[in-house]
Amino acid sequence: MLGDITVVKNIYIACGYTDMRKSIDGLATIVQESFGLDPFAPSLFLFCGKRRDRIKALLWEGDGFVLLYKRLENGNFKWPKSSEQVRELTMQEFKWLMEGLSVDQPKAIMFAKRGAFY
């Protein structure tokens, strides 16, 4: 199905800013060469420009790439400007981002990492 993101196993966000003039080939090259990830994996890759009012998402569907584009009419995305090149997001963090919230919610209860019992 065209742009069905329910099939993705991972969601990656390109921290900082990306040249929004890049097309599918340019974004796939960034994924492969800059991040060392496989653009053909069942993953969603998110990119944002300096104005932070539009994002591009790259998704491989098995028979070709889908380039999703979203432009906000008012407001902007709370895009991380951290020094990390690429960051993996949970589905909840992705929802926060799409709702105009920061992916780092200080009061949210996050999933705990598995530990050992003592």
PDB file of N, CA and C in Angstrom:
ATOM      1  N   MET A   1       0.842  -1.175   0.000  1.00  0.00           N
ATOM      2  CA  MET A   1       0.000   0.000   0.000  1.00  0.00           C
ATOM      3  C   MET A   1       0.894   1.247   0.000  1.00  0.00           C
ATOM      4  N   LEU A   2       0.501   2.244  -0.682  1.00  0.00           N
ATOM      5  CA  LEU A   2       1.293   3.449  -0.864  1.00  0.00           C
ATOM      6  C   LEU A   2       1.470   4.216   0.447  1.00  0.00           C
ATOM      7  N   GLY A   3       2.705   4.247   0.954  1.00  0.00           N
ATOM      8  CA  GLY A   3       3.027   5.024   2.145  1.00  0.00           C
ATOM      9  C   GLY A   3       2.483   4.455   3.440  1.00  0.00           C
ATOM     10  N   ASP A   4       2.281   3.149   3.528  1.00  0.00           N
ATOM     11  CA  ASP A   4       1.763   2.521   4.739  1.00  0.00           C
ATOM     12  C   ASP A   4       2.893   2.383   5.753  1.00  0.00           C
ATOM     13  N   ILE A   5       2.940   3.278   6.734  1.00  0.00           N
ATOM     14  CA  ILE A   5       4.055   3.261   7.687  1.00  0.00           C
ATOM     15  C   ILE A   5       3.856   2.233   8.798  1.00  0.00           C
ATOM     16  N   THR A   6       2.740   1.523   8.808  1.00  0.00           N
ATOM     17  CA  THR A   6       2.545   0.499   9.834  1.00  0.00           C
ATOM     18  C   THR A   6       3.461  -0.698   9.620  1.00  0.00           C
ATOM     19  N   VAL A   7       4.073  -0.812   8.454  1.00  0.00           N
ATOM     20  CA  VAL A   7       4.956  -1.936   8.160  1.00  0.00           C
ATOM     21  C   VAL A   7       6.394  -1.681   8.609  1.00  0.00           C
ATOM     22  N   VAL A   8       6.718  -0.479   9.038  1.00  0.00           N
ATOM     23  CA  VAL A   8       8.102  -0.163   9.383  1.00  0.00           C
ATOM     24  C   VAL A   8       8.484  -0.803  10.715  1.00  0.00           C
ATOM     25  N   LYS A   9       9.726  -1.222  10.784  1.00  0.00           N
ATOM     26  CA  LYS A   9      10.254  -1.798  12.015  1.00  0.00           C
ATOM     27  C   LYS A   9      11.013  -0.740  12.825  1.00  0.00           C
ATOM     28  N   ASN A  10      11.593   0.245  12.136  1.00  0.00           N
ATOM     29  CA  ASN A  10      12.353   1.291  12.806  1.00  0.00           C
ATOM     30  C   ASN A  10      12.000   2.641  12.194  1.00  0.00           C
ATOM     31  N   ILE A  11      12.099   3.676  13.023  1.00  0.00           N
ATOM     32  CA  ILE A  11      11.914   5.047  12.556  1.00  0.00           C
ATOM     33  C   ILE A  11      13.179   5.805  12.933  1.00  0.00           C
ATOM     34  N   TYR A  12      13.803   6.407  11.934  1.00  0.00           N
ATOM     35  CA  TYR A  12      15.032   7.160  12.160  1.00  0.00           C
ATOM     36  C   TYR A  12      14.797   8.619  11.806  1.00  0.00           C
ATOM     37  N   ILE A  13      15.372   9.504  12.602  1.00  0.00           N
ATOM     38  CA  ILE A  13      15.261  10.929  12.359  1.00  0.00           C
ATOM     39  C   ILE A  13      16.666  11.486  12.137  1.00  0.00           C
ATOM     40  N   ALA A  14      16.828  12.245  11.072  1.00  0.00           N
ATOM     41  CA  ALA A  14      18.103  12.895  10.774  1.00  0.00           C
ATOM     42  C   ALA A  14      18.154  14.183  11.589  1.00  0.00           C
ATOM     43  N   CYS A  15      18.885  14.157  12.696  1.00  0.00           N
ATOM     44  CA  CYS A  15      18.976  15.334  13.557  1.00  0.00           C
ATOM     45  C   CYS A  15      19.674  16.465  12.814  1.00  0.00           C
ATOM     46  N   GLY A  16      19.371  17.676  13.192  1.00  0.00           N
ATOM     47  CA  GLY A  16      19.903  18.822  12.473  1.00  0.00           C
ATOM     48  C   GLY A  16      19.060  19.065  11.231  1.00  0.00           C
ATOM     49  N   TYR A  17      19.646  19.747  10.271  1.00  0.00           N
ATOM     50  CA  TYR A  17      18.874  20.170   9.104  1.00  0.00           C
ATOM     51  C   TYR A  17      19.377  19.511   7.830  1.00  0.00           C
ATOM     52  N   THR A  18      18.457  19.235   6.923  1.00  0.00           N
ATOM     53  CA  THR A  18      18.750  18.612   5.634  1.00  0.00           C
ATOM     54  C   THR A  18      18.312  19.563   4.532  1.00  0.00           C
ATOM     55  N   ASP A  19      19.057  19.572   3.443  1.00  0.00           N
ATOM     56  CA  ASP A  19      18.684  20.352   2.265  1.00  0.00           C
ATOM     57  C   ASP A  19      17.411  19.748   1.680  1.00  0.00           C
ATOM     58  N   MET A  20      16.306  20.477   1.777  1.00  0.00           N
ATOM     59  CA  MET A  20      15.015  19.944   1.354  1.00  0.00           C
ATOM     60  C   MET A  20      14.853  19.891  -0.161  1.00  0.00           C
ATOM     61  N   ARG A  21      15.857  20.331  -0.908  1.00  0.00           N
ATOM     62  CA  ARG A  21      15.807  20.197  -2.367  1.00  0.00           C
ATOM     63  C   ARG A  21      16.166  18.788  -2.800  1.00  0.00           C
ATOM     64  N   LYS A  22      16.686  17.977  -1.881  1.00  0.00           N
ATOM     65  CA  LYS A  22      17.080  16.611  -2.221  1.00  0.00           C
ATOM     66  C   LYS A  22      15.849  15.754  -2.521  1.00  0.00           C
ATOM     67  N   SER A  23      16.033  14.882  -3.494  1.00  0.00           N
ATOM     68  CA  SER A  23      14.952  13.976  -3.892  1.00  0.00           C
ATOM     69  C   SER A  23      15.216  12.593  -3.283  1.00  0.00           C
ATOM     70  N   ILE A  24      14.527  11.597  -3.777  1.00  0.00           N
ATOM     71  CA  ILE A  24      14.663  10.236  -3.253  1.00  0.00           C
ATOM     72  C   ILE A  24      16.112   9.768  -3.296  1.00  0.00           C
ATOM     73  N   ASP A  25      16.760   9.922  -4.426  1.00  0.00           N
ATOM     74  CA  ASP A  25      18.140   9.440  -4.557  1.00  0.00           C
ATOM     75  C   ASP A  25      19.080  10.153  -3.593  1.00  0.00           C
ATOM     76  N   GLY A  26      18.935  11.460  -3.447  1.00  0.00           N
ATOM     77  CA  GLY A  26      19.788  12.214  -2.534  1.00  0.00           C
ATOM     78  C   GLY A  26      19.574  11.823  -1.084  1.00  0.00           C
ATOM     79  N   LEU A  27      18.329  11.618  -0.689  1.00  0.00           N
ATOM     80  CA  LEU A  27      18.035  11.222   0.689  1.00  0.00           C
ATOM     81  C   LEU A  27      18.498   9.790   0.957  1.00  0.00           C
ATOM     82  N   ALA A  28      18.319   8.895  -0.009  1.00  0.00           N
ATOM     83  CA  ALA A  28      18.793   7.514   0.151  1.00  0.00           C
ATOM     84  C   ALA A  28      20.311   7.475   0.274  1.00  0.00           C
ATOM     85  N   THR A  29      20.994   8.357  -0.446  1.00  0.00           N
ATOM     86  CA  THR A  29      22.456   8.447  -0.347  1.00  0.00           C
ATOM     87  C   THR A  29      22.871   8.911   1.045  1.00  0.00           C
ATOM     88  N   ILE A  30      22.160   9.878   1.616  1.00  0.00           N
ATOM     89  CA  ILE A  30      22.462  10.323   2.986  1.00  0.00           C
ATOM     90  C   ILE A  30      22.294   9.165   3.960  1.00  0.00           C
ATOM     91  N   VAL A  31      21.214   8.420   3.824  1.00  0.00           N
ATOM     92  CA  VAL A  31      20.950   7.280   4.711  1.00  0.00           C
ATOM     93  C   VAL A  31      22.088   6.275   4.630  1.00  0.00           C
ATOM     94  N   GLN A  32      22.507   5.976   3.416  1.00  0.00           N
ATOM     95  CA  GLN A  32      23.519   4.945   3.213  1.00  0.00           C
ATOM     96  C   GLN A  32      24.928   5.417   3.561  1.00  0.00           C
ATOM     97  N   GLU A  33      25.332   6.576   3.070  1.00  0.00           N
ATOM     98  CA  GLU A  33      26.717   7.005   3.234  1.00  0.00           C
ATOM     99  C   GLU A  33      26.970   7.763   4.530  1.00  0.00           C
ATOM    100  N   SER A  34      26.081   8.653   4.920  1.00  0.00           N
ATOM    101  CA  SER A  34      26.307   9.446   6.124  1.00  0.00           C
ATOM    102  C   SER A  34      25.938   8.689   7.393  1.00  0.00           C
ATOM    103  N   PHE A  35      24.861   7.922   7.341  1.00  0.00           N
ATOM    104  CA  PHE A  35      24.389   7.247   8.551  1.00  0.00           C
ATOM    105  C   PHE A  35      24.810   5.789   8.632  1.00  0.00           C
ATOM    106  N   GLY A  36      25.260   5.211   7.516  1.00  0.00           N
ATOM    107  CA  GLY A  36      25.662   3.810   7.505  1.00  0.00           C
ATOM    108  C   GLY A  36      24.488   2.855   7.672  1.00  0.00           C
ATOM    109  N   LEU A  37      23.301   3.282   7.261  1.00  0.00           N
ATOM    110  CA  LEU A  37      22.103   2.451   7.362  1.00  0.00           C
ATOM    111  C   LEU A  37      21.656   2.011   5.970  1.00  0.00           C
ATOM    112  N   ASP A  38      20.821   0.996   5.931  1.00  0.00           N
ATOM    113  CA  ASP A  38      20.334   0.457   4.671  1.00  0.00           C
ATOM    114  C   ASP A  38      19.022   1.138   4.294  1.00  0.00           C
ATOM    115  N   PRO A  39      18.997   1.941   3.224  1.00  0.00           N
ATOM    116  CA  PRO A  39      17.751   2.607   2.833  1.00  0.00           C
ATOM    117  C   PRO A  39      16.674   1.633   2.350  1.00  0.00           C
ATOM    118  N   PHE A  40      17.057   0.371   2.060  1.00  0.00           N
ATOM    119  CA  PHE A  40      16.111  -0.639   1.596  1.00  0.00           C
ATOM    120  C   PHE A  40      15.514  -1.445   2.749  1.00  0.00           C
ATOM    121  N   ALA A  41      15.890  -1.112   3.976  1.00  0.00           N
ATOM    122  CA  ALA A  41      15.344  -1.798   5.152  1.00  0.00           C
ATOM    123  C   ALA A  41      13.906  -1.338   5.385  1.00  0.00           C
ATOM    124  N   PRO A  42      13.121  -2.117   6.109  1.00  0.00           N
ATOM    125  CA  PRO A  42      11.741  -1.688   6.414  1.00  0.00           C
ATOM    126  C   PRO A  42      11.745  -0.602   7.490  1.00  0.00           C
ATOM    127  N   SER A  43      12.282   0.547   7.138  1.00  0.00           N
ATOM    128  CA  SER A  43      12.439   1.661   8.074  1.00  0.00           C
ATOM    129  C   SER A  43      11.928   2.942   7.442  1.00  0.00           C
ATOM    130  N   LEU A  44      11.524   3.866   8.289  1.00  0.00           N
ATOM    131  CA  LEU A  44      11.084   5.188   7.864  1.00  0.00           C
ATOM    132  C   LEU A  44      12.187   6.168   8.251  1.00  0.00           C
ATOM    133  N   PHE A  45      12.650   6.952   7.288  1.00  0.00           N
ATOM    134  CA  PHE A  45      13.715   7.928   7.524  1.00  0.00           C
ATOM    135  C   PHE A  45      13.126   9.326   7.380  1.00  0.00           C
ATOM    136  N   LEU A  46      13.300  10.157   8.412  1.00  0.00           N
ATOM    137  CA  LEU A  46      12.704  11.491   8.452  1.00  0.00           C
ATOM    138  C   LEU A  46      13.769  12.564   8.314  1.00  0.00           C
ATOM    139  N   PHE A  47      13.461  13.604   7.531  1.00  0.00           N
ATOM    140  CA  PHE A  47      14.376  14.714   7.273  1.00  0.00           C
ATOM    141  C   PHE A  47      13.618  16.030   7.411  1.00  0.00           C
ATOM    142  N   CYS A  48      14.316  17.066   7.859  1.00  0.00           N
ATOM    143  CA  CYS A  48      13.680  18.371   8.056  1.00  0.00           C
ATOM    144  C   CYS A  48      14.637  19.474   7.603  1.00  0.00           C
ATOM    145  N   GLY A  49      14.070  20.560   7.073  1.00  0.00           N
ATOM    146  CA  GLY A  49      14.854  21.712   6.655  1.00  0.00           C
ATOM    147  C   GLY A  49      15.000  22.735   7.771  1.00  0.00           C
ATOM    148  N   LYS A  50      15.703  23.823   7.495  1.00  0.00           N
ATOM    149  CA  LYS A  50      15.976  24.847   8.513  1.00  0.00           C
ATOM    150  C   LYS A  50      14.725  25.552   9.011  1.00  0.00           C
ATOM    151  N   ARG A  51      13.736  25.709   8.156  1.00  0.00           N
ATOM    152  CA  ARG A  51      12.515  26.418   8.568  1.00  0.00           C
ATOM    153  C   ARG A  51      11.661  25.576   9.499  1.00  0.00           C
ATOM    154  N   ARG A  52      11.871  24.267   9.519  1.00  0.00           N
ATOM    155  CA  ARG A  52      11.186  23.309  10.376  1.00  0.00           C
ATOM    156  C   ARG A  52       9.673  23.285  10.187  1.00  0.00           C
ATOM    157  N   ASP A  53       9.202  23.757   9.040  1.00  0.00           N
ATOM    158  CA  ASP A  53       7.759  23.717   8.783  1.00  0.00           C
ATOM    159  C   ASP A  53       7.390  22.619   7.792  1.00  0.00           C
ATOM    160  N   ARG A  54       8.376  21.849   7.354  1.00  0.00           N
ATOM    161  CA  ARG A  54       8.117  20.756   6.425  1.00  0.00           C
ATOM    162  C   ARG A  54       9.109  19.627   6.658  1.00  0.00           C
ATOM    163  N   ILE A  55       8.632  18.433   6.447  1.00  0.00           N
ATOM    164  CA  ILE A  55       9.495  17.263   6.568  1.00  0.00           C
ATOM    165  C   ILE A  55       9.323  16.384   5.340  1.00  0.00           C
ATOM    166  N   LYS A  56      10.346  15.580   5.087  1.00  0.00           N
ATOM    167  CA  LYS A  56      10.293  14.542   4.066  1.00  0.00           C
ATOM    168  C   LYS A  56      10.558  13.220   4.770  1.00  0.00           C
ATOM    169  N   ALA A  57       9.848  12.200   4.333  1.00  0.00           N
ATOM    170  CA  ALA A  57      10.033  10.856   4.877  1.00  0.00           C
ATOM    171  C   ALA A  57      10.288   9.902   3.721  1.00  0.00           C
ATOM    172  N   LEU A  58      11.273   9.059   3.875  1.00  0.00           N
ATOM    173  CA  LEU A  58      11.664   8.101   2.846  1.00  0.00           C
ATOM    174  C   LEU A  58      11.328   6.697   3.334  1.00  0.00           C
ATOM    175  N   LEU A  59      10.651   5.938   2.479  1.00  0.00           N
ATOM    176  CA  LEU A  59      10.215   4.589   2.833  1.00  0.00           C
ATOM    177  C   LEU A  59      10.365   3.667   1.627  1.00  0.00           C
ATOM    178  N   TRP A  60      11.041   2.540   1.829  1.00  0.00           N
ATOM    179  CA  TRP A  60      11.161   1.520   0.790  1.00  0.00           C
ATOM    180  C   TRP A  60       9.993   0.558   0.936  1.00  0.00           C
ATOM    181  N   GLU A  61       9.274   0.293  -0.160  1.00  0.00           N
ATOM    182  CA  GLU A  61       8.106  -0.583  -0.111  1.00  0.00           C
ATOM    183  C   GLU A  61       8.294  -1.912  -0.830  1.00  0.00           C
ATOM    184  N   GLY A  62       9.521  -2.263  -1.142  1.00  0.00           N
ATOM    185  CA  GLY A  62       9.771  -3.543  -1.795  1.00  0.00           C
ATOM    186  C   GLY A  62       9.865  -3.444  -3.300  1.00  0.00           C
ATOM    187  N   ASP A  63       9.072  -2.571  -3.902  1.00  0.00           N
ATOM    188  CA  ASP A  63       9.135  -2.403  -5.354  1.00  0.00           C
ATOM    189  C   ASP A  63       9.564  -0.996  -5.741  1.00  0.00           C
ATOM    190  N   GLY A  64       9.832  -0.174  -4.744  1.00  0.00           N
ATOM    191  CA  GLY A  64      10.279   1.189  -5.002  1.00  0.00           C
ATOM    192  C   GLY A  64      10.178   2.039  -3.749  1.00  0.00           C
ATOM    193  N   PHE A  65      10.732   3.242  -3.836  1.00  0.00           N
ATOM    194  CA  PHE A  65      10.702   4.174  -2.716  1.00  0.00           C
ATOM    195  C   PHE A  65       9.448   5.029  -2.765  1.00  0.00           C
ATOM    196  N   VAL A  66       8.975   5.394  -1.593  1.00  0.00           N
ATOM    197  CA  VAL A  66       7.901   6.365  -1.442  1.00  0.00           C
ATOM    198  C   VAL A  66       8.503   7.558  -0.721  1.00  0.00           C
ATOM    199  N   LEU A  67       8.261   8.744  -1.259  1.00  0.00           N
ATOM    200  CA  LEU A  67       8.712   9.973  -0.621  1.00  0.00           C
ATOM    201  C   LEU A  67       7.470  10.707  -0.110  1.00  0.00           C
ATOM    202  N   LEU A  68       7.363  10.788   1.197  1.00  0.00           N
ATOM    203  CA  LEU A  68       6.234  11.475   1.825  1.00  0.00           C
ATOM    204  C   LEU A  68       6.684  12.883   2.195  1.00  0.00           C
ATOM    205  N   TYR A  69       5.801  13.837   2.045  1.00  0.00           N
ATOM    206  CA  TYR A  69       6.141  15.242   2.280  1.00  0.00           C
ATOM    207  C   TYR A  69       5.014  15.874   3.077  1.00  0.00           C
ATOM    208  N   LYS A  70       5.364  16.543   4.166  1.00  0.00           N
ATOM    209  CA  LYS A  70       4.354  17.223   4.955  1.00  0.00           C
ATOM    210  C   LYS A  70       4.803  18.651   5.209  1.00  0.00           C
ATOM    211  N   ARG A  71       3.888  19.597   4.938  1.00  0.00           N
ATOM    212  CA  ARG A  71       4.152  21.013   5.189  1.00  0.00           C
ATOM    213  C   ARG A  71       3.084  21.523   6.151  1.00  0.00           C
ATOM    214  N   LEU A  72       3.538  22.141   7.226  1.00  0.00           N
ATOM    215  CA  LEU A  72       2.607  22.726   8.183  1.00  0.00           C
ATOM    216  C   LEU A  72       2.188  24.110   7.714  1.00  0.00           C
ATOM    217  N   GLU A  73       0.938  24.425   7.876  1.00  0.00           N
ATOM    218  CA  GLU A  73       0.437  25.743   7.485  1.00  0.00           C
ATOM    219  C   GLU A  73       0.730  26.802   8.551  1.00  0.00           C
ATOM    220  N   ASN A  74       0.796  26.393   9.798  1.00  0.00           N
ATOM    221  CA  ASN A  74       1.227  27.320  10.849  1.00  0.00           C
ATOM    222  C   ASN A  74       1.964  26.505  11.908  1.00  0.00           C
ATOM    223  N   GLY A  75       2.963  27.081  12.497  1.00  0.00           N
ATOM    224  CA  GLY A  75       3.781  26.368  13.470  1.00  0.00           C
ATOM    225  C   GLY A  75       4.946  25.665  12.818  1.00  0.00           C
ATOM    226  N   ASN A  76       5.697  24.933  13.631  1.00  0.00           N
ATOM    227  CA  ASN A  76       6.821  24.169  13.106  1.00  0.00           C
ATOM    228  C   ASN A  76       7.048  22.921  13.943  1.00  0.00           C
ATOM    229  N   PHE A  77       7.826  22.024  13.380  1.00  0.00           N
ATOM    230  CA  PHE A  77       8.163  20.790  14.071  1.00  0.00           C
ATOM    231  C   PHE A  77       9.237  21.070  15.107  1.00  0.00           C
ATOM    232  N   LYS A  78       9.166  20.396  16.230  1.00  0.00           N
ATOM    233  CA  LYS A  78      10.182  20.509  17.290  1.00  0.00           C
ATOM    234  C   LYS A  78      11.286  19.505  16.969  1.00  0.00           C
ATOM    235  N   TRP A  79      12.104  19.911  16.011  1.00  0.00           N
ATOM    236  CA  TRP A  79      13.129  19.014  15.468  1.00  0.00           C
ATOM    237  C   TRP A  79      14.382  19.046  16.328  1.00  0.00           C
ATOM    238  N   PRO A  80      14.931  17.886  16.711  1.00  0.00           N
ATOM    239  CA  PRO A  80      16.150  17.875  17.527  1.00  0.00           C
ATOM    240  C   PRO A  80      17.344  18.437  16.761  1.00  0.00           C
ATOM    241  N   LYS A  81      18.071  19.328  17.413  1.00  0.00           N
ATOM    242  CA  LYS A  81      19.253  19.945  16.794  1.00  0.00           C
ATOM    243  C   LYS A  81      20.531  19.382  17.401  1.00  0.00           C
ATOM    244  N   SER A  82      20.428  18.251  18.079  1.00  0.00           N
ATOM    245  CA  SER A  82      21.560  17.680  18.795  1.00  0.00           C
ATOM    246  C   SER A  82      22.692  17.313  17.845  1.00  0.00           C
ATOM    247  N   SER A  83      23.809  16.976  18.434  1.00  0.00           N
ATOM    248  CA  SER A  83      24.988  16.654  17.630  1.00  0.00           C
ATOM    249  C   SER A  83      24.904  15.250  17.023  1.00  0.00           C
ATOM    250  N   GLU A  84      23.932  14.442  17.458  1.00  0.00           N
ATOM    251  CA  GLU A  84      23.772  13.111  16.877  1.00  0.00           C
ATOM    252  C   GLU A  84      23.424  13.245  15.392  1.00  0.00           C
ATOM    253  N   GLN A  85      23.965  12.374  14.574  1.00  0.00           N
ATOM    254  CA  GLN A  85      23.640  12.423  13.150  1.00  0.00           C
ATOM    255  C   GLN A  85      22.273  11.835  12.877  1.00  0.00           C
ATOM    256  N   VAL A  86      22.024  10.689  13.445  1.00  0.00           N
ATOM    257  CA  VAL A  86      20.741  10.012  13.237  1.00  0.00           C
ATOM    258  C   VAL A  86      20.312   9.435  14.579  1.00  0.00           C
ATOM    259  N   ARG A  87      19.026   9.401  14.784  1.00  0.00           N
ATOM    260  CA  ARG A  87      18.487   8.932  16.054  1.00  0.00           C
ATOM    261  C   ARG A  87      17.278   8.044  15.767  1.00  0.00           C
ATOM    262  N   GLU A  88      17.171   6.957  16.503  1.00  0.00           N
ATOM    263  CA  GLU A  88      16.017   6.083  16.337  1.00  0.00           C
ATOM    264  C   GLU A  88      14.891   6.570  17.244  1.00  0.00           C
ATOM    265  N   LEU A  89      13.684   6.590  16.701  1.00  0.00           N
ATOM    266  CA  LEU A  89      12.514   7.018  17.454  1.00  0.00           C
ATOM    267  C   LEU A  89      11.587   5.844  17.720  1.00  0.00           C
ATOM    268  N   THR A  90      10.887   5.922  18.838  1.00  0.00           N
ATOM    269  CA  THR A  90       9.811   4.972  19.081  1.00  0.00           C
ATOM    270  C   THR A  90       8.577   5.480  18.343  1.00  0.00           C
ATOM    271  N   MET A  91       7.568   4.652  18.236  1.00  0.00           N
ATOM    272  CA  MET A  91       6.327   5.088  17.583  1.00  0.00           C
ATOM    273  C   MET A  91       5.690   6.232  18.379  1.00  0.00           C
ATOM    274  N   GLN A  92       5.791   6.188  19.709  1.00  0.00           N
ATOM    275  CA  GLN A  92       5.235   7.259  20.540  1.00  0.00           C
ATOM    276  C   GLN A  92       5.965   8.575  20.283  1.00  0.00           C
ATOM    277  N   GLU A  93       7.301   8.548  20.177  1.00  0.00           N
ATOM    278  CA  GLU A  93       8.073   9.761  19.896  1.00  0.00           C
ATOM    279  C   GLU A  93       7.725  10.306  18.514  1.00  0.00           C
ATOM    280  N   PHE A  94       7.501   9.401  17.561  1.00  0.00           N
ATOM    281  CA  PHE A  94       7.088   9.813  16.223  1.00  0.00           C
ATOM    282  C   PHE A  94       5.736  10.527  16.275  1.00  0.00           C
ATOM    283  N   LYS A  95       4.792   9.976  17.036  1.00  0.00           N
ATOM    284  CA  LYS A  95       3.481  10.612  17.190  1.00  0.00           C
ATOM    285  C   LYS A  95       3.615  11.992  17.822  1.00  0.00           C
ATOM    286  N   TRP A  96       4.452  12.108  18.845  1.00  0.00           N
ATOM    287  CA  TRP A  96       4.677  13.421  19.466  1.00  0.00           C
ATOM    288  C   TRP A  96       5.201  14.419  18.444  1.00  0.00           C
ATOM    289  N   LEU A  97       6.172  13.998  17.648  1.00  0.00           N
ATOM    290  CA  LEU A  97       6.752  14.874  16.628  1.00  0.00           C
ATOM    291  C   LEU A  97       5.691  15.336  15.643  1.00  0.00           C
ATOM    292  N   MET A  98       4.850  14.422  15.185  1.00  0.00           N
ATOM    293  CA  MET A  98       3.800  14.762  14.220  1.00  0.00           C
ATOM    294  C   MET A  98       2.716  15.652  14.832  1.00  0.00           C
ATOM    295  N   GLU A  99       2.587  15.631  16.157  1.00  0.00           N
ATOM    296  CA  GLU A  99       1.608  16.466  16.846  1.00  0.00           C
ATOM    297  C   GLU A  99       2.180  17.817  17.253  1.00  0.00           C
ATOM    298  N   GLY A 100       3.426  18.091  16.872  1.00  0.00           N
ATOM    299  CA  GLY A 100       4.037  19.376  17.180  1.00  0.00           C
ATOM    300  C   GLY A 100       4.742  19.427  18.517  1.00  0.00           C
ATOM    301  N   LEU A 101       4.940  18.272  19.127  1.00  0.00           N
ATOM    302  CA  LEU A 101       5.615  18.210  20.416  1.00  0.00           C
ATOM    303  C   LEU A 101       7.064  17.794  20.230  1.00  0.00           C
ATOM    304  N   SER A 102       7.860  18.001  21.255  1.00  0.00           N
ATOM    305  CA  SER A 102       9.243  17.562  21.242  1.00  0.00           C
ATOM    306  C   SER A 102       9.294  16.048  21.403  1.00  0.00           C
ATOM    307  N   VAL A 103      10.275  15.413  20.782  1.00  0.00           N
ATOM    308  CA  VAL A 103      10.428  13.970  20.941  1.00  0.00           C
ATOM    309  C   VAL A 103      10.960  13.623  22.327  1.00  0.00           C
ATOM    310  N   ASP A 104      11.505  14.604  23.020  1.00  0.00           N
ATOM    311  CA  ASP A 104      12.009  14.417  24.381  1.00  0.00           C
ATOM    312  C   ASP A 104      11.010  15.022  25.356  1.00  0.00           C
ATOM    313  N   GLN A 105      10.066  14.209  25.803  1.00  0.00           N
ATOM    314  CA  GLN A 105       9.063  14.654  26.760  1.00  0.00           C
ATOM    315  C   GLN A 105       9.577  14.361  28.171  1.00  0.00           C
ATOM    316  N   PRO A 106       9.901  15.413  28.944  1.00  0.00           N
ATOM    317  CA  PRO A 106      10.548  15.187  30.248  1.00  0.00           C
ATOM    318  C   PRO A 106       9.670  14.475  31.272  1.00  0.00           C
ATOM    319  N   LYS A 107       8.364  14.565  31.162  1.00  0.00           N
ATOM    320  CA  LYS A 107       7.494  13.950  32.165  1.00  0.00           C
ATOM    321  C   LYS A 107       6.845  12.656  31.689  1.00  0.00           C
ATOM    322  N   ALA A 108       7.166  12.235  30.496  1.00  0.00           N
ATOM    323  CA  ALA A 108       6.574  11.005  29.968  1.00  0.00           C
ATOM    324  C   ALA A 108       7.211   9.788  30.626  1.00  0.00           C
ATOM    325  N   ILE A 109       6.415   8.777  30.848  1.00  0.00           N
ATOM    326  CA  ILE A 109       6.938   7.520  31.377  1.00  0.00           C
ATOM    327  C   ILE A 109       7.401   6.701  30.183  1.00  0.00           C
ATOM    328  N   MET A 110       8.677   6.446  30.128  1.00  0.00           N
ATOM    329  CA  MET A 110       9.254   5.731  28.996  1.00  0.00           C
ATOM    330  C   MET A 110       9.402   4.252  29.334  1.00  0.00           C
ATOM    331  N   PHE A 111       9.533   3.428  28.312  1.00  0.00           N
ATOM    332  CA  PHE A 111       9.765   2.012  28.519  1.00  0.00           C
ATOM    333  C   PHE A 111      11.099   1.821  29.219  1.00  0.00           C
ATOM    334  N   ALA A 112      11.122   0.916  30.162  1.00  0.00           N
ATOM    335  CA  ALA A 112      12.350   0.611  30.898  1.00  0.00           C
ATOM    336  C   ALA A 112      13.161  -0.415  30.129  1.00  0.00           C
ATOM    337  N   LYS A 113      14.451  -0.313  30.262  1.00  0.00           N
ATOM    338  CA  LYS A 113      15.323  -1.321  29.658  1.00  0.00           C
ATOM    339  C   LYS A 113      15.346  -2.531  30.573  1.00  0.00           C
ATOM    340  N   ARG A 114      15.447  -3.685  29.973  1.00  0.00           N
ATOM    341  CA  ARG A 114      15.488  -4.911  30.754  1.00  0.00           C
ATOM    342  C   ARG A 114      16.748  -4.962  31.578  1.00  0.00           C
ATOM    343  N   GLY A 115      16.611  -5.338  32.806  1.00  0.00           N
ATOM    344  CA  GLY A 115      17.765  -5.423  33.705  1.00  0.00           C
ATOM    345  C   GLY A 115      17.822  -6.773  34.373  1.00  0.00           C
ATOM    346  N   ALA A 116      18.746  -6.903  35.263  1.00  0.00           N
ATOM    347  CA  ALA A 116      18.916  -8.136  36.004  1.00  0.00           C
ATOM    348  C   ALA A 116      18.289  -7.973  37.395  1.00  0.00           C
ATOM    349  N   PHE A 117      17.750  -9.077  37.913  1.00  0.00           N
ATOM    350  CA  PHE A 117      17.232  -9.083  39.280  1.00  0.00           C
ATOM    351  C   PHE A 117      18.372  -9.426  40.223  1.00  0.00           C
ATOM    352  N   TYR A 118      18.359  -8.798  41.369  1.00  0.00           N
ATOM    353  CA  TYR A 118      19.424  -9.075  42.357  1.00  0.00           C
ATOM    354  C   TYR A 118      18.860  -9.737  43.563  1.00  0.00           C
TER     355      TYR A 118
END
